[in-house]
């Protein structure tokens, strides 16, 4: 009887087409439905609780890795493969890039938690800690986020470094670079004024897509650290067959990707003056 009541409550006793039309109607109203596993909580409530944790962690980690990897990659690429910085950083970046981030997360937990005891093992904050915007609470949240953030930064750093370095190396043979060298411009000016701006376009595209994927969380990473983000929420929803919450999470990711691509199209002309949009 309880199962039948829940079937009627969630509309599961209706034909699939009827359920779909009902879902679209509620979606237009901004209603993502109720969570089956956490009833009577709504999907929107669960996502609003989880999104700040995921966005705060992944956005900061992604931007830091992008900035460091992009600038160091540009310097390494311009110096050539025989430079000291390339001989050290290229093998290191390749090694980091090939390590699955969840393996690195486990290694970091072993070292910083079990061996040295510096950081907490899991969670977004210490259980029982008063949840309010205060300096002690913020510091506690930061302490809990360092290990998962470090896992993301170290792995992503290798990718951003290698991709930027490859672009700089390819651009060194372009005519406008050779012309600038023939004019006697300094290497520093050629790198940052000419090569860097053109090599930056693929990096910006990659950053936009990475930031859009942030709202979906990092399921395995958040599971390992028991971090209360969207990835943790989706993992629990999948294991508990909470389909409304899964649908809500996927929908948020789709909206974020669409918005990221739209914003990317708007800022491209600011990065590259050759790109212009015309009406008609």
C-alpha atoms as a PDB file:
ATOM      1  CA  UNK A   1       0.000   0.000   0.000  1.00  0.00           C
ATOM      2  CA  UNK A   2       2.832   2.394   0.832  1.00  0.00           C
ATOM      3  CA  UNK A   3       4.465   1.688  -2.539  1.00  0.00           C
ATOM      4  CA  UNK A   4       1.204   2.409  -4.365  1.00  0.00           C
ATOM      5  CA  UNK A   5       0.776   5.661  -2.456  1.00  0.00           C
ATOM      6  CA  UNK A   6       4.248   6.771  -3.498  1.00  0.00           C
ATOM      7  CA  UNK A   7       3.576   5.759  -7.113  1.00  0.00           C
ATOM      8  CA  UNK A   8       0.500   7.984  -7.153  1.00  0.00           C
ATOM      9  CA  UNK A   9       2.304  10.778  -5.312  1.00  0.00           C
ATOM     10  CA  UNK A  10       5.118  10.944  -7.861  1.00  0.00           C
ATOM     11  CA  UNK A  11       2.856  10.252 -10.843  1.00  0.00           C
ATOM     12  CA  UNK A  12       4.535   6.931 -11.617  1.00  0.00           C
ATOM     13  CA  UNK A  13       1.155   5.279 -12.177  1.00  0.00           C
ATOM     14  CA  UNK A  14       0.594   7.432 -15.275  1.00  0.00           C
ATOM     15  CA  UNK A  15       1.703   6.601 -18.850  1.00  0.00           C
ATOM     16  CA  UNK A  16       5.242   7.658 -19.748  1.00  0.00           C
ATOM     17  CA  UNK A  17       4.029  10.358 -22.159  1.00  0.00           C
ATOM     18  CA  UNK A  18       1.783  11.836 -19.476  1.00  0.00           C
ATOM     19  CA  UNK A  19       4.679  11.824 -16.997  1.00  0.00           C
ATOM     20  CA  UNK A  20       6.877  13.587 -19.555  1.00  0.00           C
ATOM     21  CA  UNK A  21       4.305  16.287 -20.311  1.00  0.00           C
ATOM     22  CA  UNK A  22       3.745  16.803 -16.602  1.00  0.00           C
ATOM     23  CA  UNK A  23       7.505  17.149 -16.092  1.00  0.00           C
ATOM     24  CA  UNK A  24       7.770  19.748 -18.882  1.00  0.00           C
ATOM     25  CA  UNK A  25       4.865  21.716 -17.436  1.00  0.00           C
ATOM     26  CA  UNK A  26       6.442  21.829 -13.997  1.00  0.00           C
ATOM     27  CA  UNK A  27       9.847  22.582 -15.505  1.00  0.00           C
ATOM     28  CA  UNK A  28       8.481  25.720 -17.152  1.00  0.00           C
ATOM     29  CA  UNK A  29       7.258  26.788 -13.720  1.00  0.00           C
ATOM     30  CA  UNK A  30      10.724  26.213 -12.271  1.00  0.00           C
ATOM     31  CA  UNK A  31       9.664  23.136 -10.321  1.00  0.00           C
ATOM     32  CA  UNK A  32      12.131  20.237 -10.594  1.00  0.00           C
ATOM     33  CA  UNK A  33       9.940  17.976  -8.494  1.00  0.00           C
ATOM     34  CA  UNK A  34      10.445  16.155  -5.215  1.00  0.00           C
ATOM     35  CA  UNK A  35      13.367  13.952  -4.284  1.00  0.00           C
ATOM     36  CA  UNK A  36      12.275  10.339  -3.872  1.00  0.00           C
ATOM     37  CA  UNK A  37      15.072   9.496  -1.435  1.00  0.00           C
ATOM     38  CA  UNK A  38      14.806  12.728   0.577  1.00  0.00           C
ATOM     39  CA  UNK A  39      11.052  13.365   0.469  1.00  0.00           C
ATOM     40  CA  UNK A  40       9.550  15.883   1.246  1.00  0.00           C
ATOM     41  CA  UNK A  41      12.631  17.886   0.191  1.00  0.00           C
ATOM     42  CA  UNK A  42      12.447  19.234  -3.360  1.00  0.00           C
ATOM     43  CA  UNK A  43      15.179  18.740  -5.954  1.00  0.00           C
ATOM     44  CA  UNK A  44      15.703  22.503  -6.088  1.00  0.00           C
ATOM     45  CA  UNK A  45      16.323  22.632  -2.335  1.00  0.00           C
ATOM     46  CA  UNK A  46      18.884  19.830  -2.516  1.00  0.00           C
ATOM     47  CA  UNK A  47      20.704  21.440  -5.444  1.00  0.00           C
ATOM     48  CA  UNK A  48      20.748  24.851  -3.751  1.00  0.00           C
ATOM     49  CA  UNK A  49      22.333  23.267  -0.674  1.00  0.00           C
ATOM     50  CA  UNK A  50      24.998  21.463  -2.701  1.00  0.00           C
ATOM     51  CA  UNK A  51      25.862  24.000  -5.415  1.00  0.00           C
ATOM     52  CA  UNK A  52      27.706  26.517  -3.189  1.00  0.00           C
ATOM     53  CA  UNK A  53      30.060  23.796  -1.940  1.00  0.00           C
ATOM     54  CA  UNK A  54      30.843  22.505  -5.422  1.00  0.00           C
ATOM     55  CA  UNK A  55      31.160  25.914  -7.063  1.00  0.00           C
ATOM     56  CA  UNK A  56      33.335  27.241  -4.252  1.00  0.00           C
ATOM     57  CA  UNK A  57      35.709  24.273  -4.395  1.00  0.00           C
ATOM     58  CA  UNK A  58      35.945  23.513  -8.107  1.00  0.00           C
ATOM     59  CA  UNK A  59      35.860  27.078  -9.442  1.00  0.00           C
ATOM     60  CA  UNK A  60      38.760  28.228  -7.273  1.00  0.00           C
ATOM     61  CA  UNK A  61      40.782  25.075  -7.985  1.00  0.00           C
ATOM     62  CA  UNK A  62      40.099  25.262 -11.735  1.00  0.00           C
ATOM     63  CA  UNK A  63      40.997  28.953 -12.046  1.00  0.00           C
ATOM     64  CA  UNK A  64      44.201  28.543 -10.021  1.00  0.00           C
ATOM     65  CA  UNK A  65      45.358  25.570 -12.113  1.00  0.00           C
ATOM     66  CA  UNK A  66      44.432  27.422 -15.328  1.00  0.00           C
ATOM     67  CA  UNK A  67      46.346  30.581 -14.419  1.00  0.00           C
ATOM     68  CA  UNK A  68      49.470  28.787 -13.230  1.00  0.00           C
ATOM     69  CA  UNK A  69      49.472  26.207 -16.034  1.00  0.00           C
ATOM     70  CA  UNK A  70      48.810  28.762 -18.768  1.00  0.00           C
ATOM     71  CA  UNK A  71      51.530  31.229 -17.786  1.00  0.00           C
ATOM     72  CA  UNK A  72      54.183  28.628 -17.000  1.00  0.00           C
ATOM     73  CA  UNK A  73      53.285  26.763 -20.208  1.00  0.00           C
ATOM     74  CA  UNK A  74      53.783  29.944 -22.229  1.00  0.00           C
ATOM     75  CA  UNK A  75      57.208  30.571 -20.705  1.00  0.00           C
ATOM     76  CA  UNK A  76      58.255  26.949 -21.207  1.00  0.00           C
ATOM     77  CA  UNK A  77      57.031  26.836 -24.806  1.00  0.00           C
ATOM     78  CA  UNK A  78      58.804  30.036 -25.755  1.00  0.00           C
ATOM     79  CA  UNK A  79      62.061  28.855 -24.220  1.00  0.00           C
ATOM     80  CA  UNK A  80      62.078  25.692 -26.342  1.00  0.00           C
ATOM     81  CA  UNK A  81      62.619  22.071 -25.411  1.00  0.00           C
ATOM     82  CA  UNK A  82      66.261  22.666 -24.496  1.00  0.00           C
ATOM     83  CA  UNK A  83      65.473  25.206 -21.785  1.00  0.00           C
ATOM     84  CA  UNK A  84      65.988  24.186 -18.163  1.00  0.00           C
ATOM     85  CA  UNK A  85      62.384  24.886 -17.242  1.00  0.00           C
ATOM     86  CA  UNK A  86      61.122  22.597 -20.025  1.00  0.00           C
ATOM     87  CA  UNK A  87      63.452  19.756 -19.086  1.00  0.00           C
ATOM     88  CA  UNK A  88      62.070  19.799 -15.552  1.00  0.00           C
ATOM     89  CA  UNK A  89      58.407  20.709 -16.023  1.00  0.00           C
ATOM     90  CA  UNK A  90      57.460  18.741 -19.153  1.00  0.00           C
ATOM     91  CA  UNK A  91      58.150  15.272 -17.639  1.00  0.00           C
ATOM     92  CA  UNK A  92      56.539  16.415 -14.385  1.00  0.00           C
ATOM     93  CA  UNK A  93      53.419  17.672 -16.186  1.00  0.00           C
ATOM     94  CA  UNK A  94      53.161  14.478 -18.232  1.00  0.00           C
ATOM     95  CA  UNK A  95      53.441  12.426 -15.067  1.00  0.00           C
ATOM     96  CA  UNK A  96      50.755  14.412 -13.259  1.00  0.00           C
ATOM     97  CA  UNK A  97      48.430  14.409 -16.253  1.00  0.00           C
ATOM     98  CA  UNK A  98      48.499  10.620 -16.540  1.00  0.00           C
ATOM     99  CA  UNK A  99      47.579  10.040 -12.882  1.00  0.00           C
ATOM    100  CA  UNK A 100      43.810   9.606 -12.318  1.00  0.00           C
ATOM    101  CA  UNK A 101      42.712  12.336  -9.929  1.00  0.00           C
ATOM    102  CA  UNK A 102      41.025   9.864  -7.596  1.00  0.00           C
ATOM    103  CA  UNK A 103      44.305   7.953  -7.228  1.00  0.00           C
ATOM    104  CA  UNK A 104      46.084  11.202  -6.424  1.00  0.00           C
ATOM    105  CA  UNK A 105      43.323  12.002  -3.918  1.00  0.00           C
ATOM    106  CA  UNK A 106      43.929   8.708  -2.105  1.00  0.00           C
ATOM    107  CA  UNK A 107      47.689   9.366  -2.055  1.00  0.00           C
ATOM    108  CA  UNK A 108      47.124  12.841  -0.599  1.00  0.00           C
ATOM    109  CA  UNK A 109      44.797  11.432   2.055  1.00  0.00           C
ATOM    110  CA  UNK A 110      47.396   8.845   3.038  1.00  0.00           C
ATOM    111  CA  UNK A 111      50.179  11.423   3.312  1.00  0.00           C
ATOM    112  CA  UNK A 112      48.423  14.455   4.774  1.00  0.00           C
ATOM    113  CA  UNK A 113      45.897  12.641   6.972  1.00  0.00           C
ATOM    114  CA  UNK A 114      47.350   9.313   8.108  1.00  0.00           C
ATOM    115  CA  UNK A 115      51.090  10.029   7.955  1.00  0.00           C
ATOM    116  CA  UNK A 116      51.354  13.708   8.871  1.00  0.00           C
ATOM    117  CA  UNK A 117      47.881  14.362  10.312  1.00  0.00           C
ATOM    118  CA  UNK A 118      47.700  17.895   8.914  1.00  0.00           C
ATOM    119  CA  UNK A 119      44.232  17.967   7.332  1.00  0.00           C
ATOM    120  CA  UNK A 120      40.837  16.383   8.139  1.00  0.00           C
ATOM    121  CA  UNK A 121      39.942  13.278   6.172  1.00  0.00           C
ATOM    122  CA  UNK A 122      36.482  14.199   4.902  1.00  0.00           C
ATOM    123  CA  UNK A 123      33.490  16.510   4.971  1.00  0.00           C
ATOM    124  CA  UNK A 124      33.015  20.174   4.173  1.00  0.00           C
ATOM    125  CA  UNK A 125      33.364  21.312   7.782  1.00  0.00           C
ATOM    126  CA  UNK A 126      33.815  19.883  11.273  1.00  0.00           C
ATOM    127  CA  UNK A 127      30.620  18.154  12.514  1.00  0.00           C
ATOM    128  CA  UNK A 128      28.942  20.192  15.232  1.00  0.00           C
ATOM    129  CA  UNK A 129      30.635  23.406  14.128  1.00  0.00           C
ATOM    130  CA  UNK A 130      28.156  26.350  14.147  1.00  0.00           C
ATOM    131  CA  UNK A 131      27.207  27.002  10.510  1.00  0.00           C
ATOM    132  CA  UNK A 132      27.359  30.773  10.168  1.00  0.00           C
ATOM    133  CA  UNK A 133      29.390  33.300   8.226  1.00  0.00           C
ATOM    134  CA  UNK A 134      32.243  33.834  10.649  1.00  0.00           C
ATOM    135  CA  UNK A 135      36.028  33.714  10.391  1.00  0.00           C
ATOM    136  CA  UNK A 136      36.403  30.446  12.384  1.00  0.00           C
ATOM    137  CA  UNK A 137      33.805  28.702  10.206  1.00  0.00           C
ATOM    138  CA  UNK A 138      35.367  30.013   6.971  1.00  0.00           C
ATOM    139  CA  UNK A 139      38.819  28.837   8.069  1.00  0.00           C
ATOM    140  CA  UNK A 140      37.376  25.430   8.964  1.00  0.00           C
ATOM    141  CA  UNK A 141      35.753  25.149   5.518  1.00  0.00           C
ATOM    142  CA  UNK A 142      39.013  26.138   3.813  1.00  0.00           C
ATOM    143  CA  UNK A 143      40.933  23.534   5.825  1.00  0.00           C
ATOM    144  CA  UNK A 144      38.507  20.811   4.712  1.00  0.00           C
ATOM    145  CA  UNK A 145      38.693  21.916   1.060  1.00  0.00           C
ATOM    146  CA  UNK A 146      42.485  22.011   0.691  1.00  0.00           C
ATOM    147  CA  UNK A 147      43.009  18.306  -0.089  1.00  0.00           C
ATOM    148  CA  UNK A 148      40.230  17.970  -2.707  1.00  0.00           C
ATOM    149  CA  UNK A 149      41.297  21.296  -4.238  1.00  0.00           C
ATOM    150  CA  UNK A 150      44.932  20.178  -4.335  1.00  0.00           C
ATOM    151  CA  UNK A 151      43.913  16.978  -6.145  1.00  0.00           C
ATOM    152  CA  UNK A 152      42.161  19.004  -8.849  1.00  0.00           C
ATOM    153  CA  UNK A 153      44.903  21.621  -9.154  1.00  0.00           C
ATOM    154  CA  UNK A 154      47.785  19.165  -9.538  1.00  0.00           C
ATOM    155  CA  UNK A 155      46.039  17.068 -12.201  1.00  0.00           C
ATOM    156  CA  UNK A 156      44.578  20.010 -14.136  1.00  0.00           C
ATOM    157  CA  UNK A 157      47.860  21.890 -13.972  1.00  0.00           C
ATOM    158  CA  UNK A 158      49.550  19.300 -16.160  1.00  0.00           C
ATOM    159  CA  UNK A 159      46.888  19.597 -18.862  1.00  0.00           C
ATOM    160  CA  UNK A 160      46.812  23.421 -18.959  1.00  0.00           C
ATOM    161  CA  UNK A 161      50.621  23.548 -18.985  1.00  0.00           C
ATOM    162  CA  UNK A 162      51.005  21.075 -21.842  1.00  0.00           C
ATOM    163  CA  UNK A 163      48.243  22.554 -24.001  1.00  0.00           C
ATOM    164  CA  UNK A 164      49.549  26.121 -23.666  1.00  0.00           C
ATOM    165  CA  UNK A 165      53.120  25.040 -24.272  1.00  0.00           C
ATOM    166  CA  UNK A 166      52.098  23.203 -27.448  1.00  0.00           C
ATOM    167  CA  UNK A 167      50.270  26.268 -28.772  1.00  0.00           C
ATOM    168  CA  UNK A 168      53.252  28.561 -28.125  1.00  0.00           C
ATOM    169  CA  UNK A 169      55.626  26.131 -29.855  1.00  0.00           C
ATOM    170  CA  UNK A 170      53.342  25.956 -32.905  1.00  0.00           C
ATOM    171  CA  UNK A 171      52.982  29.728 -33.134  1.00  0.00           C
ATOM    172  CA  UNK A 172      56.742  30.351 -33.182  1.00  0.00           C
ATOM    173  CA  UNK A 173      56.826  29.505 -36.876  1.00  0.00           C
ATOM    174  CA  UNK A 174      54.017  31.906 -37.840  1.00  0.00           C
ATOM    175  CA  UNK A 175      54.801  34.792 -40.208  1.00  0.00           C
ATOM    176  CA  UNK A 176      53.793  37.536 -37.778  1.00  0.00           C
ATOM    177  CA  UNK A 177      56.152  36.115 -35.147  1.00  0.00           C
ATOM    178  CA  UNK A 178      59.034  35.985 -37.637  1.00  0.00           C
ATOM    179  CA  UNK A 179      58.229  39.543 -38.754  1.00  0.00           C
ATOM    180  CA  UNK A 180      58.276  40.775 -35.166  1.00  0.00           C
ATOM    181  CA  UNK A 181      61.643  39.109 -34.647  1.00  0.00           C
ATOM    182  CA  UNK A 182      62.963  40.672 -37.855  1.00  0.00           C
ATOM    183  CA  UNK A 183      61.914  44.107 -36.570  1.00  0.00           C
ATOM    184  CA  UNK A 184      64.114  43.559 -33.548  1.00  0.00           C
ATOM    185  CA  UNK A 185      61.383  43.366 -30.921  1.00  0.00           C
ATOM    186  CA  UNK A 186      62.395  41.798 -27.631  1.00  0.00           C
ATOM    187  CA  UNK A 187      61.493  38.174 -26.960  1.00  0.00           C
ATOM    188  CA  UNK A 188      59.426  39.213 -23.948  1.00  0.00           C
ATOM    189  CA  UNK A 189      57.302  41.594 -26.012  1.00  0.00           C
ATOM    190  CA  UNK A 190      56.830  39.076 -28.829  1.00  0.00           C
ATOM    191  CA  UNK A 191      55.767  36.398 -26.373  1.00  0.00           C
ATOM    192  CA  UNK A 192      53.242  38.385 -24.338  1.00  0.00           C
ATOM    193  CA  UNK A 193      52.042  40.818 -27.021  1.00  0.00           C
ATOM    194  CA  UNK A 194      51.750  38.496 -30.019  1.00  0.00           C
ATOM    195  CA  UNK A 195      52.162  34.783 -29.290  1.00  0.00           C
ATOM    196  CA  UNK A 196      50.408  34.651 -25.915  1.00  0.00           C
ATOM    197  CA  UNK A 197      47.193  36.382 -27.023  1.00  0.00           C
ATOM    198  CA  UNK A 198      46.710  34.034 -29.974  1.00  0.00           C
ATOM    199  CA  UNK A 199      47.598  30.930 -27.992  1.00  0.00           C
ATOM    200  CA  UNK A 200      45.128  31.989 -25.309  1.00  0.00           C
ATOM    201  CA  UNK A 201      41.994  31.337 -27.388  1.00  0.00           C
ATOM    202  CA  UNK A 202      41.912  27.522 -26.973  1.00  0.00           C
ATOM    203  CA  UNK A 203      42.788  27.953 -23.302  1.00  0.00           C
ATOM    204  CA  UNK A 204      39.846  30.285 -22.736  1.00  0.00           C
ATOM    205  CA  UNK A 205      37.531  27.842 -24.517  1.00  0.00           C
ATOM    206  CA  UNK A 206      38.765  25.014 -22.322  1.00  0.00           C
ATOM    207  CA  UNK A 207      38.380  27.122 -19.187  1.00  0.00           C
ATOM    208  CA  UNK A 208      34.795  28.052 -20.076  1.00  0.00           C
ATOM    209  CA  UNK A 209      33.817  24.427 -20.624  1.00  0.00           C
ATOM    210  CA  UNK A 210      35.583  23.367 -17.421  1.00  0.00           C
ATOM    211  CA  UNK A 211      33.791  26.045 -15.408  1.00  0.00           C
ATOM    212  CA  UNK A 212      30.462  24.981 -16.902  1.00  0.00           C
ATOM    213  CA  UNK A 213      31.071  21.371 -15.879  1.00  0.00           C
ATOM    214  CA  UNK A 214      31.741  22.547 -12.329  1.00  0.00           C
ATOM    215  CA  UNK A 215      28.026  22.701 -11.508  1.00  0.00           C
ATOM    216  CA  UNK A 216      27.835  18.947 -12.087  1.00  0.00           C
ATOM    217  CA  UNK A 217      30.437  18.400  -9.421  1.00  0.00           C
ATOM    218  CA  UNK A 218      33.178  15.797  -9.387  1.00  0.00           C
ATOM    219  CA  UNK A 219      31.353  12.643  -8.374  1.00  0.00           C
ATOM    220  CA  UNK A 220      34.293  10.374  -7.538  1.00  0.00           C
ATOM    221  CA  UNK A 221      36.346  13.099  -5.868  1.00  0.00           C
ATOM    222  CA  UNK A 222      33.470  14.321  -3.708  1.00  0.00           C
ATOM    223  CA  UNK A 223      32.673  10.719  -2.825  1.00  0.00           C
ATOM    224  CA  UNK A 224      36.251  10.053  -1.693  1.00  0.00           C
ATOM    225  CA  UNK A 225      36.327  13.160   0.504  1.00  0.00           C
ATOM    226  CA  UNK A 226      32.626  12.938   1.477  1.00  0.00           C
ATOM    227  CA  UNK A 227      32.386  16.540   0.314  1.00  0.00           C
ATOM    228  CA  UNK A 228      28.774  17.845   0.436  1.00  0.00           C
ATOM    229  CA  UNK A 229      28.637  19.069  -3.156  1.00  0.00           C
ATOM    230  CA  UNK A 230      26.593  18.252  -6.242  1.00  0.00           C
ATOM    231  CA  UNK A 231      28.831  15.281  -7.078  1.00  0.00           C
ATOM    232  CA  UNK A 232      28.121  13.742  -3.673  1.00  0.00           C
ATOM    233  CA  UNK A 233      24.405  14.444  -4.141  1.00  0.00           C
ATOM    234  CA  UNK A 234      24.348  12.830  -7.597  1.00  0.00           C
ATOM    235  CA  UNK A 235      26.285   9.794  -6.353  1.00  0.00           C
ATOM    236  CA  UNK A 236      23.762   9.214  -3.584  1.00  0.00           C
ATOM    237  CA  UNK A 237      20.886   9.825  -5.993  1.00  0.00           C
ATOM    238  CA  UNK A 238      22.223   7.238  -8.443  1.00  0.00           C
ATOM    239  CA  UNK A 239      22.726   4.591  -5.751  1.00  0.00           C
ATOM    240  CA  UNK A 240      19.262   5.315  -4.322  1.00  0.00           C
ATOM    241  CA  UNK A 241      17.596   5.483  -7.777  1.00  0.00           C
ATOM    242  CA  UNK A 242      16.407   9.014  -7.049  1.00  0.00           C
ATOM    243  CA  UNK A 243      15.579   9.856 -10.674  1.00  0.00           C
ATOM    244  CA  UNK A 244      14.084  13.349 -10.126  1.00  0.00           C
ATOM    245  CA  UNK A 245      17.304  14.501  -8.459  1.00  0.00           C
ATOM    246  CA  UNK A 246      19.421  12.929 -11.212  1.00  0.00           C
ATOM    247  CA  UNK A 247      17.322  14.688 -13.867  1.00  0.00           C
ATOM    248  CA  UNK A 248      17.635  17.980 -12.008  1.00  0.00           C
ATOM    249  CA  UNK A 249      21.410  17.684 -11.762  1.00  0.00           C
ATOM    250  CA  UNK A 250      21.800  16.840 -15.455  1.00  0.00           C
ATOM    251  CA  UNK A 251      19.516  19.732 -16.407  1.00  0.00           C
ATOM    252  CA  UNK A 252      21.630  22.184 -14.412  1.00  0.00           C
ATOM    253  CA  UNK A 253      24.771  20.955 -16.204  1.00  0.00           C
ATOM    254  CA  UNK A 254      23.110  21.394 -19.626  1.00  0.00           C
ATOM    255  CA  UNK A 255      22.011  24.936 -18.776  1.00  0.00           C
ATOM    256  CA  UNK A 256      25.492  25.793 -17.491  1.00  0.00           C
ATOM    257  CA  UNK A 257      27.184  24.475 -20.657  1.00  0.00           C
ATOM    258  CA  UNK A 258      24.796  26.440 -22.876  1.00  0.00           C
ATOM    259  CA  UNK A 259      25.386  29.622 -20.881  1.00  0.00           C
ATOM    260  CA  UNK A 260      29.167  29.100 -20.927  1.00  0.00           C
ATOM    261  CA  UNK A 261      29.255  28.755 -24.713  1.00  0.00           C
ATOM    262  CA  UNK A 262      27.092  31.854 -25.120  1.00  0.00           C
ATOM    263  CA  UNK A 263      29.319  33.931 -22.827  1.00  0.00           C
ATOM    264  CA  UNK A 264      32.393  32.552 -24.606  1.00  0.00           C
ATOM    265  CA  UNK A 265      31.071  33.794 -27.953  1.00  0.00           C
ATOM    266  CA  UNK A 266      30.588  37.245 -26.427  1.00  0.00           C
ATOM    267  CA  UNK A 267      34.099  37.580 -24.995  1.00  0.00           C
ATOM    268  CA  UNK A 268      36.017  36.113 -27.965  1.00  0.00           C
ATOM    269  CA  UNK A 269      36.167  39.476 -29.818  1.00  0.00           C
ATOM    270  CA  UNK A 270      37.695  41.050 -26.707  1.00  0.00           C
ATOM    271  CA  UNK A 271      40.543  38.535 -26.792  1.00  0.00           C
ATOM    272  CA  UNK A 272      41.093  38.410 -30.549  1.00  0.00           C
ATOM    273  CA  UNK A 273      40.315  41.617 -32.523  1.00  0.00           C
ATOM    274  CA  UNK A 274      40.177  39.565 -35.739  1.00  0.00           C
ATOM    275  CA  UNK A 275      36.880  38.053 -34.588  1.00  0.00           C
ATOM    276  CA  UNK A 276      33.935  40.333 -35.330  1.00  0.00           C
ATOM    277  CA  UNK A 277      30.198  39.684 -35.410  1.00  0.00           C
ATOM    278  CA  UNK A 278      28.070  41.314 -38.084  1.00  0.00           C
ATOM    279  CA  UNK A 279      24.334  41.493 -38.505  1.00  0.00           C
ATOM    280  CA  UNK A 280      22.666  39.816 -41.435  1.00  0.00           C
END
